[in-house]
Amino acid sequence: MQTTPVALQNPFLENSLCDPDKELVAGAKAGRRDQLDLLLTRHLPWLFNLSLRMLHRRADAEDATQEILLKIIKALPGFRGEAKFRNWLYRIAFNHLLTVKKPKWAAADAICSFTVASAGLRQVPDLDLPDPRTVPVPIEILIEETKNNCMIGTLLCLDGRQRLVFILGEIFQVSDQVGAEIAEVTPANFRQILSRARRDLFEYLRDNCSLVNPENDCKCARKTRAFINAGFVDPAKLEFTQVHVQRVRDVAAQRSPEIFDAYMEAGANVYRNHPFYEPPEQTEILRRVLPPLTI
């Protein structure tokens, strides 16, 4: 099995008729474990980042990524090439993520409305930052952790389908045609879902978040200690400020943007400036899904 890192490739940049996965798929179906390893390694970072933004918690994202890989391996012998492999793979991921259920929440649902989230945010007290001598990481890291935690958590106010379409279309900049094939809707319907998700999310950010509208009272630095006190941020176990490969905007496809209001553009930029996370223990994840299975 390959254990050396490979260059990060963006599968959504490849919109030609040629399928760059084709040879790897053929080798994997023929029983070549090295080809299957390369195929999964190529897509694993994107599956993990999609899962993390869909489910918010790293542990849940790791579990979902592993479960998606297992489904892909199980279904691979039946892949006949009628669709591009990339679209087939992410359709499996899309549908799986809509079925994830936690004890108090199903990923297909919004965790709460934006109205409830806004009211809850107003109840989070403004506090001074912790004494730097009492925390194991620099204060700037804790502020960044709070920001990323809050912004990714805000996505949970969208229902599952809206959330997935927003991640694909707005954060990863997937084209309407590709996004529609993954979500199994028409391109027009994909645009409609994305438009509503943008509107609802960015209206919330415009009215609450100082990263989007500097006049808003909610400042990451003023909320950091409250997030720590409430257990949302653990200085000893960072969830969202770990080593990452690049920023999302550096790896996601760039396409001609629609005309946004200023606050929409600011909100989009906040999400595209988030880290593109490297899956933890990537080789270990592959080891867990590959050994017991034979294609």
C-alpha atoms as a PDB file:
ATOM      1  CA  MET A   1       0.000   0.000   0.000  1.00  0.00           C
ATOM      2  CA  GLN A   2       1.174   3.473  -0.816  1.00  0.00           C
ATOM      3  CA  THR A   3       2.128   5.502   2.237  1.00  0.00           C
ATOM      4  CA  THR A   4       3.893   8.479   0.697  1.00  0.00           C
ATOM      5  CA  PRO A   5       1.919  11.699   0.221  1.00  0.00           C
ATOM      6  CA  VAL A   6       0.563  12.510  -3.216  1.00  0.00           C
ATOM      7  CA  ALA A   7      -0.004  15.964  -4.657  1.00  0.00           C
ATOM      8  CA  LEU A   8      -3.440  17.285  -3.781  1.00  0.00           C
ATOM      9  CA  GLN A   9      -5.622  17.213  -6.879  1.00  0.00           C
ATOM     10  CA  ASN A  10      -8.963  18.923  -7.269  1.00  0.00           C
ATOM     11  CA  PRO A  11     -11.345  16.463  -8.961  1.00  0.00           C
ATOM     12  CA  PHE A  12     -13.844  19.239  -9.654  1.00  0.00           C
ATOM     13  CA  LEU A  13     -11.436  21.127 -11.899  1.00  0.00           C
ATOM     14  CA  GLU A  14     -11.582  18.333 -14.437  1.00  0.00           C
ATOM     15  CA  ASN A  15     -14.595  18.979 -16.625  1.00  0.00           C
ATOM     16  CA  SER A  16     -13.342  17.487 -19.878  1.00  0.00           C
ATOM     17  CA  LEU A  17     -14.864  14.381 -21.420  1.00  0.00           C
ATOM     18  CA  CYS A  18     -11.721  12.498 -20.428  1.00  0.00           C
ATOM     19  CA  ASP A  19     -12.066  10.791 -17.045  1.00  0.00           C
ATOM     20  CA  PRO A  20      -8.744  11.018 -15.133  1.00  0.00           C
ATOM     21  CA  ASP A  21      -9.952   8.233 -12.801  1.00  0.00           C
ATOM     22  CA  LYS A  22     -10.600   5.796 -15.643  1.00  0.00           C
ATOM     23  CA  GLU A  23      -7.314   3.883 -15.527  1.00  0.00           C
ATOM     24  CA  LEU A  24      -7.317   3.708 -11.735  1.00  0.00           C
ATOM     25  CA  VAL A  25     -10.897   2.412 -11.759  1.00  0.00           C
ATOM     26  CA  ALA A  26     -10.004  -0.279 -14.302  1.00  0.00           C
ATOM     27  CA  GLY A  27      -6.998  -1.351 -12.250  1.00  0.00           C
ATOM     28  CA  ALA A  28      -8.980  -1.396  -9.010  1.00  0.00           C
ATOM     29  CA  LYS A  29     -11.739  -3.495 -10.570  1.00  0.00           C
ATOM     30  CA  ALA A  30      -9.096  -5.891 -11.853  1.00  0.00           C
ATOM     31  CA  GLY A  31      -7.959  -6.467  -8.265  1.00  0.00           C
ATOM     32  CA  ARG A  32      -4.918  -4.198  -8.156  1.00  0.00           C
ATOM     33  CA  ARG A  33      -4.789  -2.982  -4.564  1.00  0.00           C
ATOM     34  CA  ASP A  34      -2.264  -0.249  -5.388  1.00  0.00           C
ATOM     35  CA  GLN A  35      -4.652   1.241  -7.961  1.00  0.00           C
ATOM     36  CA  LEU A  36      -7.546   1.138  -5.494  1.00  0.00           C
ATOM     37  CA  ASP A  37      -5.344   2.829  -2.897  1.00  0.00           C
ATOM     38  CA  LEU A  38      -4.419   5.610  -5.337  1.00  0.00           C
ATOM     39  CA  LEU A  39      -8.038   6.040  -6.391  1.00  0.00           C
ATOM     40  CA  LEU A  40      -9.291   6.428  -2.821  1.00  0.00           C
ATOM     41  CA  THR A  41      -6.335   8.596  -1.786  1.00  0.00           C
ATOM     42  CA  ARG A  42      -7.116  10.988  -4.633  1.00  0.00           C
ATOM     43  CA  HIS A  43     -10.646  11.629  -3.387  1.00  0.00           C
ATOM     44  CA  LEU A  44     -10.275  11.106   0.382  1.00  0.00           C
ATOM     45  CA  PRO A  45      -9.383  14.753   1.273  1.00  0.00           C
ATOM     46  CA  TRP A  46     -12.441  16.036  -0.563  1.00  0.00           C
ATOM     47  CA  LEU A  47     -14.708  13.455   1.017  1.00  0.00           C
ATOM     48  CA  PHE A  48     -13.386  14.395   4.454  1.00  0.00           C
ATOM     49  CA  ASN A  49     -13.800  18.149   3.894  1.00  0.00           C
ATOM     50  CA  LEU A  50     -17.305  17.623   2.542  1.00  0.00           C
ATOM     51  CA  SER A  51     -18.187  15.458   5.558  1.00  0.00           C
ATOM     52  CA  LEU A  52     -16.671  17.887   8.074  1.00  0.00           C
ATOM     53  CA  ARG A  53     -18.663  20.837   6.774  1.00  0.00           C
ATOM     54  CA  MET A  54     -21.774  18.707   6.626  1.00  0.00           C
ATOM     55  CA  LEU A  55     -21.485  17.213  10.130  1.00  0.00           C
ATOM     56  CA  HIS A  56     -19.348  19.813  11.999  1.00  0.00           C
ATOM     57  CA  ARG A  57     -17.498  17.388  14.283  1.00  0.00           C
ATOM     58  CA  ARG A  58     -14.191  15.878  13.153  1.00  0.00           C
ATOM     59  CA  ALA A  59     -14.934  12.494  14.711  1.00  0.00           C
ATOM     60  CA  ASP A  60     -18.254  12.311  12.874  1.00  0.00           C
ATOM     61  CA  ALA A  61     -16.565  13.399   9.639  1.00  0.00           C
ATOM     62  CA  GLU A  62     -13.908  10.701  10.022  1.00  0.00           C
ATOM     63  CA  ASP A  63     -16.584   8.048  10.612  1.00  0.00           C
ATOM     64  CA  ALA A  64     -18.641   9.244   7.649  1.00  0.00           C
ATOM     65  CA  THR A  65     -15.596   9.327   5.370  1.00  0.00           C
ATOM     66  CA  GLN A  66     -14.724   5.754   6.276  1.00  0.00           C
ATOM     67  CA  GLU A  67     -18.320   4.619   5.738  1.00  0.00           C
ATOM     68  CA  ILE A  68     -18.423   6.349   2.337  1.00  0.00           C
ATOM     69  CA  LEU A  69     -15.179   4.663   1.289  1.00  0.00           C
ATOM     70  CA  LEU A  70     -16.586   1.285   2.271  1.00  0.00           C
ATOM     71  CA  LYS A  71     -19.717   1.938   0.200  1.00  0.00           C
ATOM     72  CA  ILE A  72     -17.582   2.987  -2.772  1.00  0.00           C
ATOM     73  CA  ILE A  73     -15.458  -0.167  -2.545  1.00  0.00           C
ATOM     74  CA  LYS A  74     -18.542  -2.362  -2.251  1.00  0.00           C
ATOM     75  CA  ALA A  75     -20.274  -0.684  -5.204  1.00  0.00           C
ATOM     76  CA  LEU A  76     -17.202  -0.399  -7.438  1.00  0.00           C
ATOM     77  CA  PRO A  77     -17.613  -3.793  -9.183  1.00  0.00           C
ATOM     78  CA  GLY A  78     -21.006  -2.586 -10.426  1.00  0.00           C
ATOM     79  CA  PHE A  79     -19.679   0.695 -11.831  1.00  0.00           C
ATOM     80  CA  ARG A  80     -20.175   0.496 -15.595  1.00  0.00           C
ATOM     81  CA  GLY A  81     -18.959   3.936 -16.621  1.00  0.00           C
ATOM     82  CA  GLU A  82     -22.345   5.336 -17.666  1.00  0.00           C
ATOM     83  CA  ALA A  83     -21.500   8.431 -15.626  1.00  0.00           C
ATOM     84  CA  LYS A  84     -18.153  10.028 -14.897  1.00  0.00           C
ATOM     85  CA  PHE A  85     -16.590   8.200 -11.954  1.00  0.00           C
ATOM     86  CA  ARG A  86     -16.179  11.447  -9.988  1.00  0.00           C
ATOM     87  CA  ASN A  87     -19.895  12.197 -10.215  1.00  0.00           C
ATOM     88  CA  TRP A  88     -20.785   8.599  -9.328  1.00  0.00           C
ATOM     89  CA  LEU A  89     -18.495   8.684  -6.283  1.00  0.00           C
ATOM     90  CA  TYR A  90     -19.722  11.998  -4.903  1.00  0.00           C
ATOM     91  CA  ARG A  91     -23.328  10.980  -5.489  1.00  0.00           C
ATOM     92  CA  ILE A  92     -22.665   8.070  -3.110  1.00  0.00           C
ATOM     93  CA  ALA A  93     -21.145  10.530  -0.615  1.00  0.00           C
ATOM     94  CA  PHE A  94     -24.026  13.003  -1.034  1.00  0.00           C
ATOM     95  CA  ASN A  95     -26.672  10.364  -0.407  1.00  0.00           C
ATOM     96  CA  HIS A  96     -24.784   8.799   2.499  1.00  0.00           C
ATOM     97  CA  LEU A  97     -24.346  12.107   4.316  1.00  0.00           C
ATOM     98  CA  LEU A  98     -28.092  12.716   4.134  1.00  0.00           C
ATOM     99  CA  THR A  99     -28.662   9.467   6.058  1.00  0.00           C
ATOM    100  CA  VAL A 100     -26.310  10.169   8.988  1.00  0.00           C
ATOM    101  CA  LYS A 101     -28.161  10.256  12.295  1.00  0.00           C
ATOM    102  CA  LYS A 102     -26.825  11.278  15.688  1.00  0.00           C
ATOM    103  CA  PRO A 103     -28.589  10.810  19.049  1.00  0.00           C
ATOM    104  CA  LYS A 104     -30.250  14.243  18.968  1.00  0.00           C
ATOM    105  CA  TRP A 105     -29.970  15.249  15.323  1.00  0.00           C
ATOM    106  CA  ALA A 106     -30.311  13.881  11.801  1.00  0.00           C
ATOM    107  CA  ALA A 107     -27.941  15.387   9.235  1.00  0.00           C
ATOM    108  CA  ALA A 108     -30.799  15.705   6.743  1.00  0.00           C
ATOM    109  CA  ASP A 109     -32.395  18.301   9.032  1.00  0.00           C
ATOM    110  CA  ALA A 110     -31.404  21.772  10.118  1.00  0.00           C
ATOM    111  CA  ILE A 111     -30.206  21.735  13.698  1.00  0.00           C
ATOM    112  CA  CYS A 112     -32.269  24.887  14.332  1.00  0.00           C
ATOM    113  CA  SER A 113     -33.611  27.881  12.425  1.00  0.00           C
ATOM    114  CA  PHE A 114     -31.488  30.943  11.744  1.00  0.00           C
ATOM    115  CA  THR A 115     -33.876  32.902  13.966  1.00  0.00           C
ATOM    116  CA  VAL A 116     -33.166  30.574  16.908  1.00  0.00           C
ATOM    117  CA  ALA A 117     -29.434  30.639  16.145  1.00  0.00           C
ATOM    118  CA  SER A 118     -29.436  34.432  16.107  1.00  0.00           C
ATOM    119  CA  ALA A 119     -31.220  34.572  19.460  1.00  0.00           C
ATOM    120  CA  GLY A 120     -28.791  32.054  20.916  1.00  0.00           C
ATOM    121  CA  LEU A 121     -25.793  34.012  19.671  1.00  0.00           C
ATOM    122  CA  ARG A 122     -27.032  37.139  21.423  1.00  0.00           C
ATOM    123  CA  GLN A 123     -27.021  35.205  24.702  1.00  0.00           C
ATOM    124  CA  VAL A 124     -23.334  34.277  24.375  1.00  0.00           C
ATOM    125  CA  PRO A 125     -21.533  36.730  26.669  1.00  0.00           C
ATOM    126  CA  ASP A 126     -18.664  38.959  25.611  1.00  0.00           C
ATOM    127  CA  LEU A 127     -15.668  38.093  27.773  1.00  0.00           C
ATOM    128  CA  ASP A 128     -12.018  39.033  27.979  1.00  0.00           C
ATOM    129  CA  LEU A 129      -9.610  36.602  26.375  1.00  0.00           C
ATOM    130  CA  PRO A 130      -8.034  33.945  28.621  1.00  0.00           C
ATOM    131  CA  ASP A 131      -4.731  34.633  30.307  1.00  0.00           C
ATOM    132  CA  PRO A 132      -2.145  33.365  27.767  1.00  0.00           C
ATOM    133  CA  ARG A 133      -0.328  31.618  30.624  1.00  0.00           C
ATOM    134  CA  THR A 134      -3.350  29.395  31.286  1.00  0.00           C
ATOM    135  CA  VAL A 135      -3.807  27.905  27.806  1.00  0.00           C
ATOM    136  CA  PRO A 136      -1.535  25.544  25.849  1.00  0.00           C
ATOM    137  CA  VAL A 137      -1.672  27.374  22.513  1.00  0.00           C
ATOM    138  CA  PRO A 138      -1.331  31.009  21.435  1.00  0.00           C
ATOM    139  CA  ILE A 139      -4.418  33.148  21.930  1.00  0.00           C
ATOM    140  CA  GLU A 140      -4.540  33.862  18.195  1.00  0.00           C
ATOM    141  CA  ILE A 141      -5.003  30.146  17.562  1.00  0.00           C
ATOM    142  CA  LEU A 142      -7.931  30.018  19.972  1.00  0.00           C
ATOM    143  CA  ILE A 143      -9.598  32.955  18.232  1.00  0.00           C
ATOM    144  CA  GLU A 144      -9.146  31.214  14.882  1.00  0.00           C
ATOM    145  CA  GLU A 145     -10.550  27.993  16.363  1.00  0.00           C
ATOM    146  CA  THR A 146     -13.603  29.883  17.608  1.00  0.00           C
ATOM    147  CA  LYS A 147     -14.131  31.525  14.233  1.00  0.00           C
ATOM    148  CA  ASN A 148     -13.888  28.310  12.234  1.00  0.00           C
ATOM    149  CA  ASN A 149     -16.015  26.408  14.751  1.00  0.00           C
ATOM    150  CA  CYS A 150     -18.745  29.035  14.641  1.00  0.00           C
ATOM    151  CA  MET A 151     -18.757  29.463  10.865  1.00  0.00           C
ATOM    152  CA  ILE A 152     -18.865  25.740  10.092  1.00  0.00           C
ATOM    153  CA  GLY A 153     -21.478  25.298  12.814  1.00  0.00           C
ATOM    154  CA  THR A 154     -23.615  27.983  11.176  1.00  0.00           C
ATOM    155  CA  LEU A 155     -23.984  25.712   8.141  1.00  0.00           C
ATOM    156  CA  LEU A 156     -26.077  23.381  10.327  1.00  0.00           C
ATOM    157  CA  CYS A 157     -28.923  25.908  10.162  1.00  0.00           C
ATOM    158  CA  LEU A 158     -29.417  24.848   6.549  1.00  0.00           C
ATOM    159  CA  ASP A 159     -31.250  21.600   5.954  1.00  0.00           C
ATOM    160  CA  GLY A 160     -29.073  18.734   4.777  1.00  0.00           C
ATOM    161  CA  ARG A 161     -29.720  19.074   1.047  1.00  0.00           C
ATOM    162  CA  GLN A 162     -29.210  22.840   1.121  1.00  0.00           C
ATOM    163  CA  ARG A 163     -26.050  22.373   3.165  1.00  0.00           C
ATOM    164  CA  LEU A 164     -24.554  19.877   0.736  1.00  0.00           C
ATOM    165  CA  VAL A 165     -25.458  21.996  -2.285  1.00  0.00           C
ATOM    166  CA  PHE A 166     -23.982  25.088  -0.610  1.00  0.00           C
ATOM    167  CA  ILE A 167     -20.730  23.263   0.198  1.00  0.00           C
ATOM    168  CA  LEU A 168     -20.439  21.996  -3.369  1.00  0.00           C
ATOM    169  CA  GLY A 169     -21.622  25.083  -5.221  1.00  0.00           C
ATOM    170  CA  GLU A 170     -20.428  27.954  -3.032  1.00  0.00           C
ATOM    171  CA  ILE A 171     -17.448  26.656  -1.077  1.00  0.00           C
ATOM    172  CA  PHE A 172     -15.995  24.109  -3.520  1.00  0.00           C
ATOM    173  CA  GLN A 173     -17.223  26.118  -6.554  1.00  0.00           C
ATOM    174  CA  VAL A 174     -18.579  23.038  -8.336  1.00  0.00           C
ATOM    175  CA  SER A 175     -20.347  23.887 -11.602  1.00  0.00           C
ATOM    176  CA  ASP A 176     -24.141  23.739 -11.798  1.00  0.00           C
ATOM    177  CA  GLN A 177     -23.958  20.826 -14.240  1.00  0.00           C
ATOM    178  CA  VAL A 178     -21.637  18.708 -12.092  1.00  0.00           C
ATOM    179  CA  GLY A 179     -23.458  19.654  -8.897  1.00  0.00           C
ATOM    180  CA  ALA A 180     -26.778  18.704 -10.457  1.00  0.00           C
ATOM    181  CA  GLU A 181     -25.452  15.280 -11.455  1.00  0.00           C
ATOM    182  CA  ILE A 182     -24.144  14.670  -7.937  1.00  0.00           C
ATOM    183  CA  ALA A 183     -27.374  15.828  -6.263  1.00  0.00           C
ATOM    184  CA  GLU A 184     -29.528  14.090  -8.893  1.00  0.00           C
ATOM    185  CA  VAL A 185     -31.478  17.219  -9.754  1.00  0.00           C
ATOM    186  CA  THR A 186     -31.629  19.456 -12.800  1.00  0.00           C
ATOM    187  CA  PRO A 187     -29.054  22.265 -13.123  1.00  0.00           C
ATOM    188  CA  ALA A 188     -31.884  24.772 -12.709  1.00  0.00           C
ATOM    189  CA  ASN A 189     -32.993  23.067  -9.498  1.00  0.00           C
ATOM    190  CA  PHE A 190     -29.405  22.964  -8.226  1.00  0.00           C
ATOM    191  CA  ARG A 191     -29.148  26.731  -8.794  1.00  0.00           C
ATOM    192  CA  GLN A 192     -32.457  27.300  -7.003  1.00  0.00           C
ATOM    193  CA  ILE A 193     -31.380  25.300  -3.944  1.00  0.00           C
ATOM    194  CA  LEU A 194     -28.010  27.087  -3.904  1.00  0.00           C
ATOM    195  CA  SER A 195     -29.630  30.509  -4.275  1.00  0.00           C
ATOM    196  CA  ARG A 196     -31.965  29.944  -1.325  1.00  0.00           C
ATOM    197  CA  ALA A 197     -29.153  28.574   0.843  1.00  0.00           C
ATOM    198  CA  ARG A 198     -26.972  31.586   0.007  1.00  0.00           C
ATOM    199  CA  ARG A 199     -29.748  34.026   0.780  1.00  0.00           C
ATOM    200  CA  ASP A 200     -30.704  32.494   4.133  1.00  0.00           C
ATOM    201  CA  LEU A 201     -27.116  32.008   5.303  1.00  0.00           C
ATOM    202  CA  PHE A 202     -25.747  35.348   4.193  1.00  0.00           C
ATOM    203  CA  GLU A 203     -28.713  37.268   5.605  1.00  0.00           C
ATOM    204  CA  TYR A 204     -27.936  35.661   8.953  1.00  0.00           C
ATOM    205  CA  LEU A 205     -24.249  36.553   8.644  1.00  0.00           C
ATOM    206  CA  ARG A 206     -25.047  40.100   7.554  1.00  0.00           C
ATOM    207  CA  ASP A 207     -27.177  40.646  10.650  1.00  0.00           C
ATOM    208  CA  ASN A 208     -24.888  38.901  13.162  1.00  0.00           C
ATOM    209  CA  CYS A 209     -21.299  38.323  12.089  1.00  0.00           C
ATOM    210  CA  SER A 210     -18.635  41.040  12.257  1.00  0.00           C
ATOM    211  CA  LEU A 211     -16.536  39.120   9.706  1.00  0.00           C
ATOM    212  CA  VAL A 212     -19.205  39.976   7.143  1.00  0.00           C
ATOM    213  CA  ASN A 213     -20.477  43.260   8.550  1.00  0.00           C
ATOM    214  CA  PRO A 214     -17.912  45.007  10.814  1.00  0.00           C
ATOM    215  CA  GLU A 215     -20.719  46.979  12.472  1.00  0.00           C
ATOM    216  CA  ASN A 216     -22.090  43.842  14.113  1.00  0.00           C
ATOM    217  CA  ASP A 217     -21.336  43.303  17.796  1.00  0.00           C
ATOM    218  CA  CYS A 218     -20.340  39.626  17.530  1.00  0.00           C
ATOM    219  CA  LYS A 219     -16.522  39.585  17.512  1.00  0.00           C
ATOM    220  CA  CYS A 220     -14.620  36.302  17.512  1.00  0.00           C
ATOM    221  CA  ALA A 221     -12.132  37.530  20.117  1.00  0.00           C
ATOM    222  CA  ARG A 222     -14.940  38.576  22.459  1.00  0.00           C
ATOM    223  CA  LYS A 223     -16.696  35.179  22.162  1.00  0.00           C
ATOM    224  CA  THR A 224     -13.627  32.939  22.459  1.00  0.00           C
ATOM    225  CA  ARG A 225     -13.618  32.559  26.228  1.00  0.00           C
ATOM    226  CA  ALA A 226     -17.367  31.884  26.275  1.00  0.00           C
ATOM    227  CA  PHE A 227     -16.882  29.159  23.658  1.00  0.00           C
ATOM    228  CA  ILE A 228     -14.179  27.639  25.865  1.00  0.00           C
ATOM    229  CA  ASN A 229     -16.341  27.830  28.980  1.00  0.00           C
ATOM    230  CA  ALA A 230     -19.264  26.198  27.167  1.00  0.00           C
ATOM    231  CA  GLY A 231     -17.068  23.362  25.880  1.00  0.00           C
ATOM    232  CA  PHE A 232     -17.347  24.302  22.209  1.00  0.00           C
ATOM    233  CA  VAL A 233     -13.616  25.034  22.054  1.00  0.00           C
ATOM    234  CA  ASP A 234     -11.063  22.870  23.849  1.00  0.00           C
ATOM    235  CA  PRO A 235      -7.621  24.529  23.937  1.00  0.00           C
ATOM    236  CA  ALA A 236      -6.031  21.110  24.465  1.00  0.00           C
ATOM    237  CA  LYS A 237      -7.853  19.459  21.546  1.00  0.00           C
ATOM    238  CA  LEU A 238      -8.335  21.777  18.615  1.00  0.00           C
ATOM    239  CA  GLU A 239     -10.898  20.668  16.034  1.00  0.00           C
ATOM    240  CA  PHE A 240     -10.652  23.341  13.356  1.00  0.00           C
ATOM    241  CA  THR A 241      -7.182  24.889  13.629  1.00  0.00           C
ATOM    242  CA  GLN A 242      -5.038  21.851  13.029  1.00  0.00           C
ATOM    243  CA  VAL A 243      -2.556  21.388  10.214  1.00  0.00           C
ATOM    244  CA  HIS A 244      -4.262  21.921   6.901  1.00  0.00           C
ATOM    245  CA  VAL A 245      -3.162  21.549   3.316  1.00  0.00           C
ATOM    246  CA  GLN A 246      -4.253  24.869   1.864  1.00  0.00           C
ATOM    247  CA  ARG A 247      -7.107  27.326   1.955  1.00  0.00           C
ATOM    248  CA  VAL A 248     -10.282  26.254   0.200  1.00  0.00           C
ATOM    249  CA  ARG A 249      -9.961  29.043  -2.351  1.00  0.00           C
ATOM    250  CA  ASP A 250      -6.519  27.710  -3.307  1.00  0.00           C
ATOM    251  CA  VAL A 251      -7.787  24.271  -4.271  1.00  0.00           C
ATOM    252  CA  ALA A 252     -11.430  24.816  -5.265  1.00  0.00           C
ATOM    253  CA  ALA A 253     -12.259  25.516  -8.873  1.00  0.00           C
ATOM    254  CA  GLN A 254     -12.681  29.141  -9.794  1.00  0.00           C
ATOM    255  CA  ARG A 255     -15.670  30.062 -11.920  1.00  0.00           C
ATOM    256  CA  SER A 256     -17.281  33.320 -12.938  1.00  0.00           C
ATOM    257  CA  PRO A 257     -19.111  34.565  -9.843  1.00  0.00           C
ATOM    258  CA  GLU A 258     -22.683  35.725  -9.936  1.00  0.00           C
ATOM    259  CA  ILE A 259     -23.378  39.323  -8.976  1.00  0.00           C
ATOM    260  CA  PHE A 260     -23.664  39.409  -5.192  1.00  0.00           C
ATOM    261  CA  ASP A 261     -24.621  42.107  -2.769  1.00  0.00           C
ATOM    262  CA  ALA A 262     -21.545  43.175  -0.837  1.00  0.00           C
ATOM    263  CA  TYR A 263     -22.498  41.145   2.233  1.00  0.00           C
ATOM    264  CA  MET A 264     -22.978  38.004   0.102  1.00  0.00           C
ATOM    265  CA  GLU A 265     -19.508  38.376  -1.368  1.00  0.00           C
ATOM    266  CA  ALA A 266     -18.058  38.929   2.105  1.00  0.00           C
ATOM    267  CA  GLY A 267     -19.830  35.846   3.426  1.00  0.00           C
ATOM    268  CA  ALA A 268     -18.643  33.706   0.519  1.00  0.00           C
ATOM    269  CA  ASN A 269     -15.076  34.857   1.090  1.00  0.00           C
ATOM    270  CA  VAL A 270     -15.222  33.865   4.763  1.00  0.00           C
ATOM    271  CA  TYR A 271     -16.031  30.287   3.820  1.00  0.00           C
ATOM    272  CA  ARG A 272     -13.556  30.109   0.942  1.00  0.00           C
ATOM    273  CA  ASN A 273     -10.792  31.353   3.246  1.00  0.00           C
ATOM    274  CA  HIS A 274     -11.359  28.439   5.635  1.00  0.00           C
ATOM    275  CA  PRO A 275      -8.691  25.760   5.859  1.00  0.00           C
ATOM    276  CA  PHE A 276      -8.891  22.810   3.493  1.00  0.00           C
ATOM    277  CA  TYR A 277      -8.260  20.133   6.078  1.00  0.00           C
ATOM    278  CA  GLU A 278      -5.953  17.167   5.682  1.00  0.00           C
ATOM    279  CA  PRO A 279      -7.735  14.026   6.862  1.00  0.00           C
ATOM    280  CA  PRO A 280      -6.165  12.855  10.120  1.00  0.00           C
ATOM    281  CA  GLU A 281      -4.427   9.517   9.887  1.00  0.00           C
ATOM    282  CA  GLN A 282      -5.207   9.243   6.178  1.00  0.00           C
ATOM    283  CA  THR A 283      -3.150   6.083   5.755  1.00  0.00           C
ATOM    284  CA  GLU A 284      -4.841   4.538   8.788  1.00  0.00           C
ATOM    285  CA  ILE A 285      -8.291   5.270   7.357  1.00  0.00           C
ATOM    286  CA  LEU A 286      -7.317   3.467   4.166  1.00  0.00           C
ATOM    287  CA  ARG A 287      -5.921   0.527   6.123  1.00  0.00           C
ATOM    288  CA  ARG A 288      -9.202   0.184   7.987  1.00  0.00           C
ATOM    289  CA  VAL A 289     -11.316   0.041   4.837  1.00  0.00           C
ATOM    290  CA  LEU A 290      -9.077  -1.928   2.480  1.00  0.00           C
ATOM    291  CA  PRO A 291      -7.729  -5.146   4.076  1.00  0.00           C
ATOM    292  CA  PRO A 292     -10.921  -7.128   4.632  1.00  0.00           C
ATOM    293  CA  LEU A 293     -12.295  -6.447   1.159  1.00  0.00           C
ATOM    294  CA  THR A 294     -11.540  -8.004  -2.182  1.00  0.00           C
ATOM    295  CA  ILE A 295     -12.693  -6.653  -5.523  1.00  0.00           C
END
